[in-house]
Protein backbone atom coordinates (compact mmCIF):
# COMPACT_ATOMS: atom_id res chain seq x y z
CA MET A 1 -34.20 56.88 -6.15
CA SER A 2 -35.12 53.29 -7.02
CA PRO A 3 -32.65 51.58 -8.18
CA THR A 4 -31.91 50.95 -12.11
CA PRO A 5 -32.84 47.25 -13.34
CA GLY A 6 -28.98 47.06 -14.08
CA SER A 7 -27.76 47.88 -10.74
CA PHE A 8 -30.51 45.65 -9.22
CA ASP A 9 -28.82 42.83 -11.21
CA GLU A 10 -25.18 43.65 -10.00
CA ASP A 11 -25.93 44.20 -6.61
CA ASP A 12 -27.56 40.59 -6.65
CA ALA A 13 -25.08 39.22 -8.60
CA THR A 14 -22.43 40.14 -6.09
CA ALA A 15 -24.46 39.12 -3.50
CA ASP A 16 -24.93 35.97 -5.19
CA ASP A 17 -20.86 35.47 -5.76
CA GLY A 18 -20.32 36.49 -1.92
CA THR A 19 -22.62 33.55 -1.14
CA SER A 20 -20.88 31.30 -3.65
CA ALA A 21 -17.66 31.76 -2.28
CA GLU A 22 -18.43 31.70 1.22
CA SER A 23 -20.27 28.51 0.32
CA ALA A 24 -17.28 26.75 -1.51
CA ARG A 25 -14.89 28.36 1.48
CA MET A 26 -17.10 26.83 3.99
CA SER A 27 -16.89 23.28 1.85
CA PHE A 28 -13.21 23.69 1.59
CA LEU A 29 -13.22 23.75 5.30
CA ASP A 30 -15.15 20.99 5.89
CA HIS A 31 -13.03 19.00 3.72
CA LEU A 32 -10.04 19.84 5.95
CA ASP A 33 -12.11 18.94 9.20
CA GLU A 34 -12.99 15.74 7.92
CA LEU A 35 -9.40 14.89 6.84
CA ARG A 36 -8.29 15.69 10.29
CA ARG A 37 -10.74 13.61 11.74
CA ARG A 38 -9.83 10.63 9.90
CA LEU A 39 -6.02 11.05 10.34
CA VAL A 40 -6.76 11.62 14.16
CA VAL A 41 -8.65 8.06 13.81
CA SER A 42 -5.88 6.41 11.79
CA VAL A 43 -3.00 7.40 13.76
CA SER A 44 -4.82 6.16 16.71
CA SER A 45 -5.24 3.26 15.49
CA ILE A 46 -1.63 2.77 14.57
CA LEU A 47 -0.58 3.91 18.20
CA VAL A 48 -3.12 0.92 19.52
CA GLY A 49 -1.49 -1.28 17.39
CA PHE A 50 1.54 -0.32 18.09
CA LEU A 51 1.35 -0.66 22.02
CA ILE A 52 -0.41 -4.69 20.89
CA ALA A 53 2.87 -5.13 19.15
CA PHE A 54 5.12 -3.80 21.84
CA PHE A 55 3.07 -6.27 24.17
CA PHE A 56 4.59 -9.13 22.36
CA ILE A 57 7.64 -8.12 21.01
CA ASP A 58 9.92 -10.49 22.20
CA ARG A 59 8.24 -13.01 19.97
CA ILE A 60 7.91 -10.55 16.91
CA PHE A 61 11.33 -9.89 17.04
CA GLY A 62 12.50 -13.76 16.75
CA PHE A 63 10.02 -13.96 14.06
CA VAL A 64 11.23 -11.32 11.82
CA MET A 65 15.11 -11.99 12.88
CA ARG A 66 14.66 -15.92 12.83
CA PRO A 67 15.21 -16.06 8.49
CA LEU A 68 17.56 -13.42 8.62
CA GLN A 69 20.29 -15.23 11.29
CA ARG A 70 19.19 -18.47 9.36
CA VAL A 71 21.17 -17.44 6.07
CA LEU A 72 24.23 -16.07 7.73
CA PRO A 73 27.63 -18.47 8.27
CA ASP A 74 27.73 -20.54 11.43
CA GLY A 75 28.02 -18.40 14.31
CA GLY A 76 27.53 -15.17 12.26
CA LYS A 77 25.35 -12.52 14.11
CA LEU A 78 23.98 -9.23 13.06
CA VAL A 79 25.58 -6.46 14.77
CA TYR A 80 24.84 -3.06 16.29
CA THR A 81 27.38 -0.13 16.77
CA GLU A 82 25.18 2.76 18.40
CA PRO A 83 24.27 2.92 21.83
CA ALA A 84 20.34 3.06 21.10
CA GLU A 85 20.60 1.22 18.08
CA ALA A 86 18.90 -2.27 19.16
CA PHE A 87 16.15 -0.55 20.94
CA LEU A 88 15.40 1.48 18.27
CA LEU A 89 14.90 -1.33 16.29
CA TYR A 90 12.39 -2.67 18.80
CA MET A 91 10.62 0.41 18.11
CA LYS A 92 10.85 0.20 14.51
CA ILE A 93 9.60 -3.39 14.65
CA ALA A 94 6.70 -2.67 16.79
CA PHE A 95 5.46 0.26 14.86
CA LEU A 96 5.99 -1.84 11.58
CA VAL A 97 3.87 -4.52 13.07
CA GLY A 98 1.39 -1.87 14.14
CA LEU A 99 0.85 -0.45 11.27
CA PHE A 100 -0.04 -3.78 9.86
CA ILE A 101 -2.20 -4.45 12.84
CA ALA A 102 -4.35 -0.77 12.39
CA LEU A 103 -4.34 -1.01 8.15
CA PRO A 104 -8.18 -2.39 8.14
CA VAL A 105 -9.13 0.38 10.31
CA ILE A 106 -6.60 3.02 7.82
CA LEU A 107 -8.10 1.71 4.82
CA PHE A 108 -11.62 2.13 6.07
CA GLU A 109 -11.03 5.70 7.22
CA LEU A 110 -9.52 6.46 3.48
CA TRP A 111 -12.21 4.96 1.70
CA MET A 112 -14.97 6.86 4.13
CA PHE A 113 -12.68 10.42 2.97
CA ILE A 114 -13.05 10.00 -0.86
CA ALA A 115 -16.45 8.66 -0.44
CA PRO A 116 -18.69 11.70 -0.56
CA GLY A 117 -17.30 12.06 -3.79
CA LEU A 118 -18.38 8.32 -5.62
CA TYR A 119 -21.80 7.94 -6.87
CA SER A 120 -24.04 6.14 -4.44
CA HIS A 121 -23.54 2.56 -6.26
CA GLU A 122 -19.91 3.11 -5.64
CA LYS A 123 -19.95 3.85 -1.89
CA LYS A 124 -21.45 0.00 -1.25
CA PHE A 125 -17.97 -1.40 -2.21
CA ALA A 126 -15.92 -0.30 1.46
CA ILE A 127 -16.17 -3.40 2.71
CA PRO A 128 -14.77 -5.36 -0.42
CA PHE A 129 -12.16 -2.69 -0.65
CA VAL A 130 -11.24 -2.78 3.16
CA VAL A 131 -10.95 -7.22 2.77
CA PHE A 132 -9.36 -6.87 -0.79
CA ALA A 133 -6.48 -4.18 -0.38
CA THR A 134 -5.76 -5.64 3.50
CA PHE A 135 -5.65 -9.64 2.29
CA PHE A 136 -3.89 -8.78 -0.87
CA PHE A 137 -1.18 -6.06 1.11
CA VAL A 138 -0.70 -9.06 3.76
CA SER A 139 0.28 -11.63 1.27
CA GLY A 140 2.77 -9.35 -0.38
CA ALA A 141 4.25 -8.97 2.72
CA ALA A 142 4.16 -12.85 3.39
CA PHE A 143 5.44 -13.73 0.40
CA SER A 144 8.71 -11.26 0.60
CA HIS A 145 9.12 -12.35 4.36
CA TYR A 146 9.04 -16.21 3.63
CA MET A 147 10.26 -16.30 -0.06
CA VAL A 148 11.80 -13.12 -1.83
CA PHE A 149 14.20 -11.52 1.46
CA PRO A 150 15.53 -14.92 2.41
CA TRP A 151 16.50 -15.26 -0.72
CA ALA A 152 18.17 -12.22 -1.50
CA TRP A 153 19.68 -12.38 1.63
CA GLY A 154 21.27 -15.05 0.94
CA PHE A 155 22.98 -13.76 -2.12
CA PHE A 156 24.77 -11.05 -0.26
CA ALA A 157 25.51 -13.69 2.57
CA SER A 158 27.19 -15.82 -0.36
CA PHE A 159 30.02 -13.65 -0.55
CA THR A 160 31.59 -14.74 2.74
CA THR A 161 35.11 -16.10 1.75
CA ASP A 162 38.53 -16.49 3.60
CA TYR A 163 39.30 -12.66 3.43
CA MET A 164 35.81 -11.17 4.09
CA ALA A 165 33.48 -11.39 6.85
CA PHE A 166 30.04 -10.88 6.34
CA MET A 167 28.81 -8.55 9.60
CA PRO A 168 26.06 -6.68 8.50
CA LYS A 169 24.57 -3.72 10.76
CA ILE A 170 20.85 -4.73 11.81
CA ASP A 171 19.71 -1.54 11.28
CA ALA A 172 20.68 -1.28 7.53
CA VAL A 173 19.50 -4.69 7.81
CA PHE A 174 15.86 -4.14 8.87
CA SER A 175 15.66 -1.07 6.61
CA LEU A 176 16.27 -3.21 3.36
CA TYR A 177 13.18 -5.91 4.99
CA VAL A 178 11.34 -3.15 5.33
CA ARG A 179 11.49 -1.82 2.18
CA MET A 180 10.91 -5.06 -0.08
CA LEU A 181 8.03 -5.70 2.94
CA LEU A 182 6.32 -2.12 1.66
CA ALA A 183 7.20 -2.75 -2.01
CA MET A 184 5.41 -6.58 -2.51
CA GLY A 185 2.61 -5.46 -0.59
CA ALA A 186 2.07 -2.38 -2.90
CA VAL A 187 2.56 -4.57 -5.90
CA PHE A 188 0.07 -7.10 -4.54
CA GLN A 189 -2.49 -4.19 -4.71
CA LEU A 190 -3.08 -4.94 -8.44
CA PRO A 191 -6.22 -7.05 -8.27
CA THR A 192 -7.76 -4.71 -6.13
CA LEU A 193 -6.93 -1.53 -8.26
CA VAL A 194 -8.01 -3.62 -11.35
CA PHE A 195 -11.57 -4.18 -9.21
CA PHE A 196 -12.55 -0.59 -8.78
CA LEU A 197 -11.31 0.12 -12.27
CA ALA A 198 -13.32 -2.76 -13.91
CA ARG A 199 -16.61 -1.44 -11.65
CA ILE A 200 -16.18 2.18 -13.17
CA GLY A 201 -15.61 1.43 -16.79
CA LEU A 202 -11.92 2.39 -16.86
CA VAL A 203 -10.26 -0.92 -17.44
CA THR A 204 -12.00 -4.24 -19.32
CA PRO A 205 -10.80 -7.93 -19.81
CA GLY A 206 -10.53 -7.73 -23.30
CA PHE A 207 -8.49 -4.66 -22.72
CA MET A 208 -6.02 -6.68 -20.27
CA ILE A 209 -6.04 -9.47 -22.55
CA LYS A 210 -4.57 -7.93 -25.87
CA ASN A 211 -2.00 -5.72 -24.01
CA THR A 212 -0.58 -8.81 -22.02
CA LYS A 213 2.72 -8.53 -23.32
CA TYR A 214 3.03 -5.05 -22.68
CA ALA A 215 2.10 -5.45 -18.95
CA ILE A 216 4.83 -8.69 -18.75
CA LEU A 217 7.33 -6.19 -20.20
CA ILE A 218 6.70 -3.57 -17.38
CA ILE A 219 5.98 -6.15 -14.43
CA PHE A 220 9.87 -7.26 -15.30
CA ILE A 221 11.10 -3.90 -15.07
CA ILE A 222 9.45 -2.94 -12.02
CA ALA A 223 11.01 -6.04 -10.58
CA ALA A 224 14.23 -5.05 -11.70
CA VAL A 225 14.04 -1.80 -10.09
CA LEU A 226 12.68 -3.45 -6.54
CA THR A 227 14.89 -6.00 -6.68
CA PRO A 228 18.19 -5.08 -4.54
CA SER A 229 20.19 -7.89 -5.79
CA PRO A 230 21.31 -7.90 -9.16
CA ASP A 231 20.81 -11.65 -9.69
CA ILE A 232 17.99 -12.99 -12.43
CA ILE A 233 16.65 -15.18 -9.76
CA THR A 234 15.39 -13.23 -7.43
CA GLN A 235 13.99 -10.93 -10.22
CA VAL A 236 11.93 -13.70 -11.84
CA LEU A 237 10.84 -14.22 -7.80
CA MET A 238 9.00 -11.13 -7.70
CA ALA A 239 8.40 -11.34 -11.51
CA ALA A 240 6.53 -14.35 -11.03
CA PRO A 241 3.53 -13.65 -8.37
CA MET A 242 3.02 -10.30 -10.24
CA ILE A 243 2.48 -11.97 -13.50
CA LEU A 244 -0.11 -14.27 -11.86
CA LEU A 245 -1.66 -11.22 -10.05
CA TYR A 246 -2.03 -9.66 -13.62
CA GLY A 247 -3.81 -13.13 -14.54
CA LEU A 248 -5.97 -13.11 -11.55
CA SER A 249 -6.83 -9.45 -12.03
CA ILE A 250 -8.00 -10.26 -15.76
CA LEU A 251 -10.15 -12.69 -14.03
CA ILE A 252 -11.45 -9.99 -11.38
CA ALA A 253 -12.25 -7.39 -14.22
CA TRP A 254 -14.57 -10.09 -15.84
CA LEU A 255 -16.20 -10.68 -12.96
CA PHE A 256 -16.91 -7.68 -12.02
CA GLN A 257 -16.64 -5.49 -14.70
CA LYS A 258 -19.37 -2.25 -15.32
CA ARG A 259 -22.14 -4.21 -17.59
CA LYS A 260 -23.65 -2.29 -20.29
CA PRO A 261 -27.70 -1.77 -19.61
CA ALA A 262 -29.80 -4.04 -21.38
CA PRO A 263 -31.76 -2.76 -24.51
CA GLU A 264 -34.77 -2.22 -24.14
CA ALA A 265 -37.66 -4.65 -26.19
């Protein structure tokens, strides 16, 4: 007996559903495979950066430790109390520098992973994304290294008296150093974020100017959270560049905002 139209449609729909489910499953597996390949490249780049940094570890160690040693009392030194603590510190510093060396590769792999979900005119911003994000992250880290952290470190060391000697453990000091370094690097990504939000039309310079007072309030709250010391000067040192970055972001939003198509004559 020939199948009725209803049964034929049901079987056909079942086949279509099966095909759609299989296509969706394959698409999900393809995304997982793509993520795996991007992660392998990123981790490999960090490993290469780690090896390069470890080859110059003595110079890098001096570069990191010099501002810490400078604010200690005369003759003061950073101490370690565990046998492997100093060796692990060298490894951590090499890994941190390796992360900075591999940062452009990591950012490019991140962009290439999300690129399939973008429009064709948005995919061409891969190079600006890598350049902007790398530049501002390194700038934030440098600002923390040369300005914010030495000031905060000097504040902690200022409590030395005849009754108390400041002898910090190197591991705790380096953990604080890394937290502030990465925090400032992330904060300095504001112009990069605004650049892409402006390109897709989610942020306009008029909106940012109108809400400047709220932005400044949020900036000081973020600075208070990220600052390890309660003194107002350290908080201002963190908030001031963020306010300047907000002003720069307004300019970036004005230059790169999504333009409305010109009306036809």
